[in-house]
Amino acid sequence: MAARQAIQVGTKNVRPVLSLNAGEARARVLNLYKAWYRQIPYLVKDFDIPKSEEQCRARLKEMFLNNKHVTDIRVIDILVIKGQMELKEAVNLWKQKGHIMAYFKPTEEPKPKDFLSKFFSSNE
């Protein structure tokens, strides 16, 4: 009985990592996005990336939209902290070109599923 009450009290009093509410978390995410967006021209130049700034900005937007479904404020805060660490490492040139290019994994063509598509793709 006492263990059940301790668990209930422990789960109710979980402290947030950084943000107290969703508005603060959203502001942190937007500030991180803007910081990355501002650094893209410098990163393209410093790392000599064979991508244009527009492609890098599109990839940045895609990476942020991949986590759009996250609603837990603590998880959002952890993701923001990780994003800030990645940005700091890139800005201070602690990363190398290979680390930056890992964000741009080549897109894979979907494999054919039906017989005729498999047959035609094997003859190319």
PDB file of N, CA and C in Angstrom:
ATOM      1  N   MET A   1       0.828  -1.196   0.000  1.00  0.00           N
ATOM      2  CA  MET A   1       0.000   0.000   0.000  1.00  0.00           C
ATOM      3  C   MET A   1       0.867   1.252   0.000  1.00  0.00           C
ATOM      4  N   ALA A   2       1.894   1.263   0.822  1.00  0.00           N
ATOM      5  CA  ALA A   2       2.770   2.434   0.895  1.00  0.00           C
ATOM      6  C   ALA A   2       3.556   2.608  -0.405  1.00  0.00           C
ATOM      7  N   ALA A   3       3.914   1.493  -1.026  1.00  0.00           N
ATOM      8  CA  ALA A   3       4.664   1.563  -2.283  1.00  0.00           C
ATOM      9  C   ALA A   3       3.803   2.196  -3.372  1.00  0.00           C
ATOM     10  N   ARG A   4       2.532   1.852  -3.396  1.00  0.00           N
ATOM     11  CA  ARG A   4       1.626   2.411  -4.398  1.00  0.00           C
ATOM     12  C   ARG A   4       1.513   3.932  -4.215  1.00  0.00           C
ATOM     13  N   GLN A   5       1.399   4.388  -2.995  1.00  0.00           N
ATOM     14  CA  GLN A   5       1.305   5.824  -2.738  1.00  0.00           C
ATOM     15  C   GLN A   5       2.596   6.534  -3.111  1.00  0.00           C
ATOM     16  N   ALA A   6       3.733   5.903  -2.842  1.00  0.00           N
ATOM     17  CA  ALA A   6       5.024   6.509  -3.195  1.00  0.00           C
ATOM     18  C   ALA A   6       5.156   6.647  -4.703  1.00  0.00           C
ATOM     19  N   ILE A   7       4.694   5.652  -5.433  1.00  0.00           N
ATOM     20  CA  ILE A   7       4.755   5.712  -6.893  1.00  0.00           C
ATOM     21  C   ILE A   7       3.835   6.805  -7.410  1.00  0.00           C
ATOM     22  N   GLN A   8       2.631   6.906  -6.840  1.00  0.00           N
ATOM     23  CA  GLN A   8       1.691   7.935  -7.278  1.00  0.00           C
ATOM     24  C   GLN A   8       2.240   9.330  -7.001  1.00  0.00           C
ATOM     25  N   VAL A   9       2.833   9.522  -5.842  1.00  0.00           N
ATOM     26  CA  VAL A   9       3.403  10.825  -5.502  1.00  0.00           C
ATOM     27  C   VAL A   9       4.583  11.128  -6.407  1.00  0.00           C
ATOM     28  N   GLY A  10       5.425  10.113  -6.687  1.00  0.00           N
ATOM     29  CA  GLY A  10       6.601  10.306  -7.536  1.00  0.00           C
ATOM     30  C   GLY A  10       6.241  10.646  -8.966  1.00  0.00           C
ATOM     31  N   THR A  11       5.183  10.043  -9.479  1.00  0.00           N
ATOM     32  CA  THR A  11       4.805  10.307 -10.860  1.00  0.00           C
ATOM     33  C   THR A  11       4.092  11.645 -11.000  1.00  0.00           C
ATOM     34  N   LYS A  12       3.473  12.127  -9.960  1.00  0.00           N
ATOM     35  CA  LYS A  12       2.775  13.404 -10.043  1.00  0.00           C
ATOM     36  C   LYS A  12       3.736  14.586  -9.937  1.00  0.00           C
ATOM     37  N   ASN A  13       4.861  14.407  -9.272  1.00  0.00           N
ATOM     38  CA  ASN A  13       5.777  15.509  -9.021  1.00  0.00           C
ATOM     39  C   ASN A  13       7.015  15.464  -9.912  1.00  0.00           C
ATOM     40  N   VAL A  14       6.856  15.087 -11.168  1.00  0.00           N
ATOM     41  CA  VAL A  14       7.978  15.060 -12.093  1.00  0.00           C
ATOM     42  C   VAL A  14       8.286  16.487 -12.509  1.00  0.00           C
ATOM     43  N   ARG A  15       9.529  16.891 -12.302  1.00  0.00           N
ATOM     44  CA  ARG A  15       9.921  18.259 -12.634  1.00  0.00           C
ATOM     45  C   ARG A  15      10.302  18.358 -14.107  1.00  0.00           C
ATOM     46  N   PRO A  16      10.008  19.470 -14.724  1.00  0.00           N
ATOM     47  CA  PRO A  16      10.411  19.661 -16.115  1.00  0.00           C
ATOM     48  C   PRO A  16      11.925  19.859 -16.211  1.00  0.00           C
ATOM     49  N   VAL A  17      12.473  19.589 -17.381  1.00  0.00           N
ATOM     50  CA  VAL A  17      13.907  19.747 -17.601  1.00  0.00           C
ATOM     51  C   VAL A  17      14.258  21.229 -17.683  1.00  0.00           C
ATOM     52  N   LEU A  18      13.640  21.950 -18.592  1.00  0.00           N
ATOM     53  CA  LEU A  18      13.897  23.386 -18.745  1.00  0.00           C
ATOM     54  C   LEU A  18      12.607  24.205 -18.768  1.00  0.00           C
ATOM     55  N   SER A  19      11.689  23.792 -19.597  1.00  0.00           N
ATOM     56  CA  SER A  19      10.472  24.563 -19.826  1.00  0.00           C
ATOM     57  C   SER A  19       9.395  24.213 -18.801  1.00  0.00           C
ATOM     58  N   LEU A  20       8.660  25.230 -18.387  1.00  0.00           N
ATOM     59  CA  LEU A  20       7.569  25.001 -17.434  1.00  0.00           C
ATOM     60  C   LEU A  20       6.255  24.702 -18.131  1.00  0.00           C
ATOM     61  N   ASN A  21       6.115  25.170 -19.370  1.00  0.00           N
ATOM     62  CA  ASN A  21       4.885  24.906 -20.106  1.00  0.00           C
ATOM     63  C   ASN A  21       5.194  24.769 -21.594  1.00  0.00           C
ATOM     64  N   ALA A  22       4.164  24.473 -22.370  1.00  0.00           N
ATOM     65  CA  ALA A  22       4.346  24.246 -23.806  1.00  0.00           C
ATOM     66  C   ALA A  22       4.783  25.513 -24.532  1.00  0.00           C
ATOM     67  N   GLY A  23       4.370  26.661 -24.056  1.00  0.00           N
ATOM     68  CA  GLY A  23       4.773  27.922 -24.695  1.00  0.00           C
ATOM     69  C   GLY A  23       6.269  28.159 -24.604  1.00  0.00           C
ATOM     70  N   GLU A  24       6.838  27.892 -23.439  1.00  0.00           N
ATOM     71  CA  GLU A  24       8.286  28.037 -23.276  1.00  0.00           C
ATOM     72  C   GLU A  24       9.036  27.045 -24.149  1.00  0.00           C
ATOM     73  N   ALA A  25       8.539  25.808 -24.201  1.00  0.00           N
ATOM     74  CA  ALA A  25       9.187  24.781 -25.021  1.00  0.00           C
ATOM     75  C   ALA A  25       9.154  25.179 -26.496  1.00  0.00           C
ATOM     76  N   ARG A  26       8.031  25.714 -26.935  1.00  0.00           N
ATOM     77  CA  ARG A  26       7.904  26.148 -28.329  1.00  0.00           C
ATOM     78  C   ARG A  26       8.878  27.280 -28.628  1.00  0.00           C
ATOM     79  N   ALA A  27       9.017  28.208 -27.690  1.00  0.00           N
ATOM     80  CA  ALA A  27       9.946  29.324 -27.878  1.00  0.00           C
ATOM     81  C   ALA A  27      11.390  28.810 -27.979  1.00  0.00           C
ATOM     82  N   ARG A  28      11.733  27.819 -27.167  1.00  0.00           N
ATOM     83  CA  ARG A  28      13.086  27.239 -27.230  1.00  0.00           C
ATOM     84  C   ARG A  28      13.328  26.560 -28.573  1.00  0.00           C
ATOM     85  N   VAL A  29      12.331  25.845 -29.064  1.00  0.00           N
ATOM     86  CA  VAL A  29      12.460  25.168 -30.361  1.00  0.00           C
ATOM     87  C   VAL A  29      12.635  26.198 -31.467  1.00  0.00           C
ATOM     88  N   LEU A  30      11.845  27.251 -31.456  1.00  0.00           N
ATOM     89  CA  LEU A  30      11.961  28.279 -32.486  1.00  0.00           C
ATOM     90  C   LEU A  30      13.309  28.990 -32.425  1.00  0.00           C
ATOM     91  N   ASN A  31      13.809  29.251 -31.216  1.00  0.00           N
ATOM     92  CA  ASN A  31      15.123  29.881 -31.089  1.00  0.00           C
ATOM     93  C   ASN A  31      16.224  28.971 -31.634  1.00  0.00           C
ATOM     94  N   LEU A  32      16.109  27.675 -31.379  1.00  0.00           N
ATOM     95  CA  LEU A  32      17.091  26.734 -31.914  1.00  0.00           C
ATOM     96  C   LEU A  32      17.020  26.688 -33.435  1.00  0.00           C
ATOM     97  N   TYR A  33      15.817  26.659 -33.981  1.00  0.00           N
ATOM     98  CA  TYR A  33      15.641  26.645 -35.437  1.00  0.00           C
ATOM     99  C   TYR A  33      16.262  27.897 -36.063  1.00  0.00           C
ATOM    100  N   LYS A  34      16.000  29.045 -35.460  1.00  0.00           N
ATOM    101  CA  LYS A  34      16.566  30.295 -35.989  1.00  0.00           C
ATOM    102  C   LYS A  34      18.083  30.304 -35.904  1.00  0.00           C
ATOM    103  N   ALA A  35      18.636  29.759 -34.827  1.00  0.00           N
ATOM    104  CA  ALA A  35      20.091  29.717 -34.677  1.00  0.00           C
ATOM    105  C   ALA A  35      20.715  28.833 -35.757  1.00  0.00           C
ATOM    106  N   TRP A  36      20.129  27.668 -35.997  1.00  0.00           N
ATOM    107  CA  TRP A  36      20.628  26.806 -37.065  1.00  0.00           C
ATOM    108  C   TRP A  36      20.480  27.500 -38.417  1.00  0.00           C
ATOM    109  N   TYR A  37      19.333  28.143 -38.637  1.00  0.00           N
ATOM    110  CA  TYR A  37      19.055  28.797 -39.914  1.00  0.00           C
ATOM    111  C   TYR A  37      20.091  29.890 -40.193  1.00  0.00           C
ATOM    112  N   ARG A  38      20.462  30.642 -39.159  1.00  0.00           N
ATOM    113  CA  ARG A  38      21.460  31.707 -39.313  1.00  0.00           C
ATOM    114  C   ARG A  38      22.859  31.159 -39.579  1.00  0.00           C
ATOM    115  N   GLN A  39      23.144  29.974 -39.074  1.00  0.00           N
ATOM    116  CA  GLN A  39      24.491  29.414 -39.208  1.00  0.00           C
ATOM    117  C   GLN A  39      24.706  28.657 -40.511  1.00  0.00           C
ATOM    118  N   ILE A  40      23.656  28.362 -41.240  1.00  0.00           N
ATOM    119  CA  ILE A  40      23.793  27.554 -42.455  1.00  0.00           C
ATOM    120  C   ILE A  40      24.775  28.155 -43.459  1.00  0.00           C
ATOM    121  N   PRO A  41      24.735  29.448 -43.774  1.00  0.00           N
ATOM    122  CA  PRO A  41      25.718  29.961 -44.751  1.00  0.00           C
ATOM    123  C   PRO A  41      27.162  29.757 -44.298  1.00  0.00           C
ATOM    124  N   TYR A  42      27.418  29.930 -43.018  1.00  0.00           N
ATOM    125  CA  TYR A  42      28.771  29.751 -42.499  1.00  0.00           C
ATOM    126  C   TYR A  42      29.183  28.284 -42.519  1.00  0.00           C
ATOM    127  N   LEU A  43      28.250  27.401 -42.205  1.00  0.00           N
ATOM    128  CA  LEU A  43      28.563  25.973 -42.209  1.00  0.00           C
ATOM    129  C   LEU A  43      28.852  25.483 -43.621  1.00  0.00           C
ATOM    130  N   VAL A  44      28.090  25.960 -44.602  1.00  0.00           N
ATOM    131  CA  VAL A  44      28.316  25.564 -45.992  1.00  0.00           C
ATOM    132  C   VAL A  44      29.704  26.020 -46.438  1.00  0.00           C
ATOM    133  N   LYS A  45      30.070  27.218 -46.042  1.00  0.00           N
ATOM    134  CA  LYS A  45      31.379  27.756 -46.436  1.00  0.00           C
ATOM    135  C   LYS A  45      32.515  27.078 -45.671  1.00  0.00           C
ATOM    136  N   ASP A  46      32.393  26.949 -44.356  1.00  0.00           N
ATOM    137  CA  ASP A  46      33.474  26.406 -43.531  1.00  0.00           C
ATOM    138  C   ASP A  46      33.746  24.935 -43.823  1.00  0.00           C
ATOM    139  N   PHE A  47      32.691  24.158 -44.030  1.00  0.00           N
ATOM    140  CA  PHE A  47      32.866  22.726 -44.242  1.00  0.00           C
ATOM    141  C   PHE A  47      32.943  22.362 -45.721  1.00  0.00           C
ATOM    142  N   ASP A  48      32.801  23.343 -46.609  1.00  0.00           N
ATOM    143  CA  ASP A  48      32.858  23.126 -48.054  1.00  0.00           C
ATOM    144  C   ASP A  48      31.882  22.013 -48.462  1.00  0.00           C
ATOM    145  N   ILE A  49      30.644  22.202 -48.069  1.00  0.00           N
ATOM    146  CA  ILE A  49      29.601  21.209 -48.324  1.00  0.00           C
ATOM    147  C   ILE A  49      29.141  21.331 -49.777  1.00  0.00           C
ATOM    148  N   PRO A  50      29.029  20.218 -50.494  1.00  0.00           N
ATOM    149  CA  PRO A  50      28.573  20.283 -51.890  1.00  0.00           C
ATOM    150  C   PRO A  50      27.057  20.405 -52.014  1.00  0.00           C
ATOM    151  N   LYS A  51      26.458  21.132 -51.120  1.00  0.00           N
ATOM    152  CA  LYS A  51      25.013  21.384 -51.148  1.00  0.00           C
ATOM    153  C   LYS A  51      24.806  22.890 -51.119  1.00  0.00           C
ATOM    154  N   SER A  52      23.698  23.328 -51.673  1.00  0.00           N
ATOM    155  CA  SER A  52      23.396  24.753 -51.636  1.00  0.00           C
ATOM    156  C   SER A  52      22.769  25.110 -50.285  1.00  0.00           C
ATOM    157  N   GLU A  53      22.718  26.392 -50.008  1.00  0.00           N
ATOM    158  CA  GLU A  53      22.097  26.837 -48.759  1.00  0.00           C
ATOM    159  C   GLU A  53      20.618  26.470 -48.726  1.00  0.00           C
ATOM    160  N   GLU A  54      19.959  26.531 -49.879  1.00  0.00           N
ATOM    161  CA  GLU A  54      18.543  26.190 -49.941  1.00  0.00           C
ATOM    162  C   GLU A  54      18.326  24.712 -49.608  1.00  0.00           C
ATOM    163  N   GLN A  55      19.209  23.848 -50.100  1.00  0.00           N
ATOM    164  CA  GLN A  55      19.091  22.431 -49.792  1.00  0.00           C
ATOM    165  C   GLN A  55      19.317  22.184 -48.303  1.00  0.00           C
ATOM    166  N   CYS A  56      20.273  22.893 -47.732  1.00  0.00           N
ATOM    167  CA  CYS A  56      20.547  22.742 -46.299  1.00  0.00           C
ATOM    168  C   CYS A  56      19.370  23.237 -45.474  1.00  0.00           C
ATOM    169  N   ARG A  57      18.779  24.337 -45.881  1.00  0.00           N
ATOM    170  CA  ARG A  57      17.625  24.860 -45.145  1.00  0.00           C
ATOM    171  C   ARG A  57      16.426  23.930 -45.270  1.00  0.00           C
ATOM    172  N   ALA A  58      16.257  23.327 -46.444  1.00  0.00           N
ATOM    173  CA  ALA A  58      15.159  22.362 -46.624  1.00  0.00           C
ATOM    174  C   ALA A  58      15.376  21.143 -45.736  1.00  0.00           C
ATOM    175  N   ARG A  59      16.613  20.692 -45.620  1.00  0.00           N
ATOM    176  CA  ARG A  59      16.921  19.546 -44.756  1.00  0.00           C
ATOM    177  C   ARG A  59      16.706  19.902 -43.287  1.00  0.00           C
ATOM    178  N   LEU A  60      17.080  21.133 -42.909  1.00  0.00           N
ATOM    179  CA  LEU A  60      16.855  21.590 -41.540  1.00  0.00           C
ATOM    180  C   LEU A  60      15.366  21.572 -41.209  1.00  0.00           C
ATOM    181  N   LYS A  61      14.571  22.088 -42.121  1.00  0.00           N
ATOM    182  CA  LYS A  61      13.119  22.101 -41.912  1.00  0.00           C
ATOM    183  C   LYS A  61      12.578  20.684 -41.796  1.00  0.00           C
ATOM    184  N   GLU A  62      13.085  19.794 -42.642  1.00  0.00           N
ATOM    185  CA  GLU A  62      12.643  18.405 -42.607  1.00  0.00           C
ATOM    186  C   GLU A  62      12.995  17.740 -41.280  1.00  0.00           C
ATOM    187  N   MET A  63      14.190  18.024 -40.767  1.00  0.00           N
ATOM    188  CA  MET A  63      14.612  17.415 -39.505  1.00  0.00           C
ATOM    189  C   MET A  63      13.768  17.921 -38.341  1.00  0.00           C
ATOM    190  N   PHE A  64      13.404  19.195 -38.362  1.00  0.00           N
ATOM    191  CA  PHE A  64      12.550  19.720 -37.301  1.00  0.00           C
ATOM    192  C   PHE A  64      11.131  19.174 -37.426  1.00  0.00           C
ATOM    193  N   LEU A  65      10.642  19.033 -38.642  1.00  0.00           N
ATOM    194  CA  LEU A  65       9.285  18.523 -38.822  1.00  0.00           C
ATOM    195  C   LEU A  65       9.176  17.034 -38.488  1.00  0.00           C
ATOM    196  N   ASN A  66      10.303  16.315 -38.508  1.00  0.00           N
ATOM    197  CA  ASN A  66      10.272  14.898 -38.108  1.00  0.00           C
ATOM    198  C   ASN A  66       9.857  14.739 -36.660  1.00  0.00           C
ATOM    199  N   ASN A  67      10.110  15.745 -35.835  1.00  0.00           N
ATOM    200  CA  ASN A  67       9.767  15.672 -34.412  1.00  0.00           C
ATOM    201  C   ASN A  67       8.541  16.514 -34.070  1.00  0.00           C
ATOM    202  N   LYS A  68       7.763  16.847 -35.062  1.00  0.00           N
ATOM    203  CA  LYS A  68       6.590  17.684 -34.848  1.00  0.00           C
ATOM    204  C   LYS A  68       5.544  17.009 -33.959  1.00  0.00           C
ATOM    205  N   HIS A  69       5.492  15.707 -33.988  1.00  0.00           N
ATOM    206  CA  HIS A  69       4.482  14.959 -33.235  1.00  0.00           C
ATOM    207  C   HIS A  69       4.771  14.888 -31.737  1.00  0.00           C
ATOM    208  N   VAL A  70       5.966  15.270 -31.302  1.00  0.00           N
ATOM    209  CA  VAL A  70       6.343  15.163 -29.891  1.00  0.00           C
ATOM    210  C   VAL A  70       5.593  16.225 -29.093  1.00  0.00           C
ATOM    211  N   THR A  71       4.898  15.780 -28.038  1.00  0.00           N
ATOM    212  CA  THR A  71       4.123  16.717 -27.225  1.00  0.00           C
ATOM    213  C   THR A  71       4.589  16.781 -25.776  1.00  0.00           C
ATOM    214  N   ASP A  72       5.364  15.802 -25.339  1.00  0.00           N
ATOM    215  CA  ASP A  72       5.860  15.793 -23.957  1.00  0.00           C
ATOM    216  C   ASP A  72       6.926  16.885 -23.807  1.00  0.00           C
ATOM    217  N   ILE A  73       6.709  17.791 -22.879  1.00  0.00           N
ATOM    218  CA  ILE A  73       7.598  18.949 -22.712  1.00  0.00           C
ATOM    219  C   ILE A  73       9.012  18.506 -22.347  1.00  0.00           C
ATOM    220  N   ARG A  74       9.139  17.469 -21.547  1.00  0.00           N
ATOM    221  CA  ARG A  74      10.475  16.998 -21.155  1.00  0.00           C
ATOM    222  C   ARG A  74      11.229  16.440 -22.346  1.00  0.00           C
ATOM    223  N   VAL A  75      10.543  15.720 -23.210  1.00  0.00           N
ATOM    224  CA  VAL A  75      11.187  15.173 -24.407  1.00  0.00           C
ATOM    225  C   VAL A  75      11.587  16.307 -25.347  1.00  0.00           C
ATOM    226  N   ILE A  76      10.729  17.305 -25.478  1.00  0.00           N
ATOM    227  CA  ILE A  76      11.052  18.454 -26.309  1.00  0.00           C
ATOM    228  C   ILE A  76      12.301  19.148 -25.785  1.00  0.00           C
ATOM    229  N   ASP A  77      12.381  19.322 -24.466  1.00  0.00           N
ATOM    230  CA  ASP A  77      13.557  19.967 -23.873  1.00  0.00           C
ATOM    231  C   ASP A  77      14.828  19.171 -24.140  1.00  0.00           C
ATOM    232  N   ILE A  78      14.754  17.851 -24.032  1.00  0.00           N
ATOM    233  CA  ILE A  78      15.927  17.008 -24.295  1.00  0.00           C
ATOM    234  C   ILE A  78      16.344  17.137 -25.759  1.00  0.00           C
ATOM    235  N   LEU A  79      15.380  17.142 -26.671  1.00  0.00           N
ATOM    236  CA  LEU A  79      15.699  17.301 -28.093  1.00  0.00           C
ATOM    237  C   LEU A  79      16.325  18.667 -28.365  1.00  0.00           C
ATOM    238  N   VAL A  80      15.840  19.706 -27.692  1.00  0.00           N
ATOM    239  CA  VAL A  80      16.422  21.042 -27.858  1.00  0.00           C
ATOM    240  C   VAL A  80      17.861  21.060 -27.345  1.00  0.00           C
ATOM    241  N   ILE A  81      18.100  20.425 -26.217  1.00  0.00           N
ATOM    242  CA  ILE A  81      19.460  20.378 -25.671  1.00  0.00           C
ATOM    243  C   ILE A  81      20.393  19.657 -26.637  1.00  0.00           C
ATOM    244  N   LYS A  82      19.935  18.547 -27.194  1.00  0.00           N
ATOM    245  CA  LYS A  82      20.752  17.815 -28.169  1.00  0.00           C
ATOM    246  C   LYS A  82      21.017  18.675 -29.411  1.00  0.00           C
ATOM    247  N   GLY A  83      20.003  19.393 -29.866  1.00  0.00           N
ATOM    248  CA  GLY A  83      20.172  20.270 -31.025  1.00  0.00           C
ATOM    249  C   GLY A  83      21.159  21.388 -30.754  1.00  0.00           C
ATOM    250  N   GLN A  84      21.118  21.938 -29.546  1.00  0.00           N
ATOM    251  CA  GLN A  84      22.067  22.991 -29.179  1.00  0.00           C
ATOM    252  C   GLN A  84      23.488  22.445 -29.127  1.00  0.00           C
ATOM    253  N   MET A  85      23.645  21.231 -28.624  1.00  0.00           N
ATOM    254  CA  MET A  85      24.976  20.621 -28.586  1.00  0.00           C
ATOM    255  C   MET A  85      25.500  20.388 -29.995  1.00  0.00           C
ATOM    256  N   GLU A  86      24.653  19.903 -30.893  1.00  0.00           N
ATOM    257  CA  GLU A  86      25.060  19.675 -32.280  1.00  0.00           C
ATOM    258  C   GLU A  86      25.478  20.997 -32.934  1.00  0.00           C
ATOM    259  N   LEU A  87      24.704  22.042 -32.684  1.00  0.00           N
ATOM    260  CA  LEU A  87      25.021  23.344 -33.262  1.00  0.00           C
ATOM    261  C   LEU A  87      26.345  23.867 -32.726  1.00  0.00           C
ATOM    262  N   LYS A  88      26.548  23.744 -31.440  1.00  0.00           N
ATOM    263  CA  LYS A  88      27.799  24.218 -30.842  1.00  0.00           C
ATOM    264  C   LYS A  88      28.994  23.466 -31.421  1.00  0.00           C
ATOM    265  N   GLU A  89      28.859  22.160 -31.581  1.00  0.00           N
ATOM    266  CA  GLU A  89      29.941  21.371 -32.147  1.00  0.00           C
ATOM    267  C   GLU A  89      30.226  21.777 -33.591  1.00  0.00           C
ATOM    268  N   ALA A  90      29.188  22.056 -34.350  1.00  0.00           N
ATOM    269  CA  ALA A  90      29.380  22.456 -35.742  1.00  0.00           C
ATOM    270  C   ALA A  90      30.004  23.846 -35.833  1.00  0.00           C
ATOM    271  N   VAL A  91      29.533  24.775 -35.016  1.00  0.00           N
ATOM    272  CA  VAL A  91      30.034  26.148 -35.067  1.00  0.00           C
ATOM    273  C   VAL A  91      31.495  26.216 -34.630  1.00  0.00           C
ATOM    274  N   ASN A  92      31.853  25.433 -33.615  1.00  0.00           N
ATOM    275  CA  ASN A  92      33.230  25.445 -33.120  1.00  0.00           C
ATOM    276  C   ASN A  92      34.157  24.565 -33.957  1.00  0.00           C
ATOM    277  N   LEU A  93      33.642  24.024 -35.055  1.00  0.00           N
ATOM    278  CA  LEU A  93      34.396  23.156 -35.965  1.00  0.00           C
ATOM    279  C   LEU A  93      34.927  21.910 -35.266  1.00  0.00           C
ATOM    280  N   TRP A  94      34.190  21.424 -34.274  1.00  0.00           N
ATOM    281  CA  TRP A  94      34.547  20.171 -33.626  1.00  0.00           C
ATOM    282  C   TRP A  94      34.057  18.998 -34.456  1.00  0.00           C
ATOM    283  N   LYS A  95      33.144  19.270 -35.370  1.00  0.00           N
ATOM    284  CA  LYS A  95      32.685  18.244 -36.295  1.00  0.00           C
ATOM    285  C   LYS A  95      33.533  18.330 -37.555  1.00  0.00           C
ATOM    286  N   GLN A  96      33.500  17.258 -38.325  1.00  0.00           N
ATOM    287  CA  GLN A  96      34.188  17.259 -39.594  1.00  0.00           C
ATOM    288  C   GLN A  96      33.155  17.191 -40.704  1.00  0.00           C
ATOM    289  N   LYS A  97      33.637  17.331 -41.924  1.00  0.00           N
ATOM    290  CA  LYS A  97      32.729  17.362 -43.068  1.00  0.00           C
ATOM    291  C   LYS A  97      31.860  16.106 -43.128  1.00  0.00           C
ATOM    292  N   GLY A  98      32.429  14.972 -42.796  1.00  0.00           N
ATOM    293  CA  GLY A  98      31.666  13.720 -42.819  1.00  0.00           C
ATOM    294  C   GLY A  98      30.505  13.719 -41.844  1.00  0.00           C
ATOM    295  N   HIS A  99      30.706  14.357 -40.692  1.00  0.00           N
ATOM    296  CA  HIS A  99      29.624  14.437 -39.706  1.00  0.00           C
ATOM    297  C   HIS A  99      28.480  15.296 -40.242  1.00  0.00           C
ATOM    298  N   ILE A 100      28.834  16.387 -40.898  1.00  0.00           N
ATOM    299  CA  ILE A 100      27.800  17.271 -41.454  1.00  0.00           C
ATOM    300  C   ILE A 100      27.085  16.583 -42.617  1.00  0.00           C
ATOM    301  N   MET A 101      27.853  15.892 -43.463  1.00  0.00           N
ATOM    302  CA  MET A 101      27.241  15.237 -44.614  1.00  0.00           C
ATOM    303  C   MET A 101      26.364  14.052 -44.203  1.00  0.00           C
ATOM    304  N   ALA A 102      26.536  13.551 -42.983  1.00  0.00           N
ATOM    305  CA  ALA A 102      25.688  12.453 -42.512  1.00  0.00           C
ATOM    306  C   ALA A 102      24.228  12.890 -42.378  1.00  0.00           C
ATOM    307  N   TYR A 103      23.997  14.189 -42.257  1.00  0.00           N
ATOM    308  CA  TYR A 103      22.621  14.682 -42.208  1.00  0.00           C
ATOM    309  C   TYR A 103      21.932  14.507 -43.562  1.00  0.00           C
ATOM    310  N   PHE A 104      22.716  14.396 -44.624  1.00  0.00           N
ATOM    311  CA  PHE A 104      22.184  14.296 -45.980  1.00  0.00           C
ATOM    312  C   PHE A 104      22.342  12.878 -46.500  1.00  0.00           C
ATOM    313  N   LYS A 105      21.714  11.937 -45.833  1.00  0.00           N
ATOM    314  CA  LYS A 105      21.784  10.553 -46.291  1.00  0.00           C
ATOM    315  C   LYS A 105      21.091  10.448 -47.648  1.00  0.00           C
ATOM    316  N   PRO A 106      21.678   9.666 -48.548  1.00  0.00           N
ATOM    317  CA  PRO A 106      21.045   9.549 -49.875  1.00  0.00           C
ATOM    318  C   PRO A 106      19.673   8.899 -49.759  1.00  0.00           C
ATOM    319  N   THR A 107      18.763   9.391 -50.554  1.00  0.00           N
ATOM    320  CA  THR A 107      17.418   8.826 -50.526  1.00  0.00           C
ATOM    321  C   THR A 107      17.423   7.508 -51.288  1.00  0.00           C
ATOM    322  N   GLU A 108      16.721   6.547 -50.770  1.00  0.00           N
ATOM    323  CA  GLU A 108      16.658   5.230 -51.398  1.00  0.00           C
ATOM    324  C   GLU A 108      15.371   5.118 -52.194  1.00  0.00           C
ATOM    325  N   GLU A 109      15.504   4.520 -53.351  1.00  0.00           N
ATOM    326  CA  GLU A 109      14.330   4.274 -54.178  1.00  0.00           C
ATOM    327  C   GLU A 109      13.516   3.148 -53.536  1.00  0.00           C
ATOM    328  N   PRO A 110      12.207   3.295 -53.492  1.00  0.00           N
ATOM    329  CA  PRO A 110      11.402   2.203 -52.928  1.00  0.00           C
ATOM    330  C   PRO A 110      11.520   0.952 -53.802  1.00  0.00           C
ATOM    331  N   LYS A 111      11.659  -0.187 -53.153  1.00  0.00           N
ATOM    332  CA  LYS A 111      11.814  -1.434 -53.898  1.00  0.00           C
ATOM    333  C   LYS A 111      10.474  -1.857 -54.490  1.00  0.00           C
ATOM    334  N   PRO A 112      10.518  -2.373 -55.711  1.00  0.00           N
ATOM    335  CA  PRO A 112       9.265  -2.811 -56.339  1.00  0.00           C
ATOM    336  C   PRO A 112       8.658  -3.978 -55.577  1.00  0.00           C
ATOM    337  N   LYS A 113       7.324  -4.002 -55.547  1.00  0.00           N
ATOM    338  CA  LYS A 113       6.629  -5.027 -54.767  1.00  0.00           C
ATOM    339  C   LYS A 113       5.954  -6.073 -55.647  1.00  0.00           C
ATOM    340  N   ASP A 114       5.451  -5.683 -56.793  1.00  0.00           N
ATOM    341  CA  ASP A 114       4.758  -6.664 -57.626  1.00  0.00           C
ATOM    342  C   ASP A 114       5.739  -7.287 -58.633  1.00  0.00           C
ATOM    343  N   PHE A 115       5.316  -8.363 -59.239  1.00  0.00           N
ATOM    344  CA  PHE A 115       6.188  -9.156 -60.096  1.00  0.00           C
ATOM    345  C   PHE A 115       6.698  -8.361 -61.291  1.00  0.00           C
ATOM    346  N   LEU A 116       5.814  -7.662 -61.990  1.00  0.00           N
ATOM    347  CA  LEU A 116       6.229  -6.945 -63.200  1.00  0.00           C
ATOM    348  C   LEU A 116       7.217  -5.822 -62.879  1.00  0.00           C
ATOM    349  N   SER A 117       6.997  -5.126 -61.782  1.00  0.00           N
ATOM    350  CA  SER A 117       7.927  -4.059 -61.410  1.00  0.00           C
ATOM    351  C   SER A 117       9.299  -4.634 -61.082  1.00  0.00           C
ATOM    352  N   LYS A 118       9.332  -5.752 -60.396  1.00  0.00           N
ATOM    353  CA  LYS A 118      10.610  -6.406 -60.099  1.00  0.00           C
ATOM    354  C   LYS A 118      11.300  -6.839 -61.382  1.00  0.00           C
ATOM    355  N   PHE A 119      10.514  -7.385 -62.314  1.00  0.00           N
ATOM    356  CA  PHE A 119      11.072  -7.867 -63.568  1.00  0.00           C
ATOM    357  C   PHE A 119      11.667  -6.713 -64.376  1.00  0.00           C
ATOM    358  N   PHE A 120      10.936  -5.606 -64.479  1.00  0.00           N
ATOM    359  CA  PHE A 120      11.418  -4.482 -65.268  1.00  0.00           C
ATOM    360  C   PHE A 120      12.623  -3.808 -64.627  1.00  0.00           C
ATOM    361  N   SER A 121      12.651  -3.741 -63.317  1.00  0.00           N
ATOM    362  CA  SER A 121      13.785  -3.102 -62.646  1.00  0.00           C
ATOM    363  C   SER A 121      15.043  -3.971 -62.710  1.00  0.00           C
ATOM    364  N   SER A 122      14.889  -5.280 -62.814  1.00  0.00           N
ATOM    365  CA  SER A 122      16.065  -6.153 -62.890  1.00  0.00           C
ATOM    366  C   SER A 122      16.715  -6.112 -64.265  1.00  0.00           C
ATOM    367  N   ASN A 123      15.983  -5.690 -65.292  1.00  0.00           N
ATOM    368  CA  ASN A 123      16.534  -5.647 -66.650  1.00  0.00           C
ATOM    369  C   ASN A 123      17.229  -4.332 -66.961  1.00  0.00           C
ATOM    370  N   GLU A 124      17.237  -3.411 -66.049  1.00  0.00           N
ATOM    371  CA  GLU A 124      17.835  -2.096 -66.345  1.00  0.00           C
ATOM    372  C   GLU A 124      19.302  -2.121 -66.246  1.00  0.00           C
TER     373      GLU A 124
END
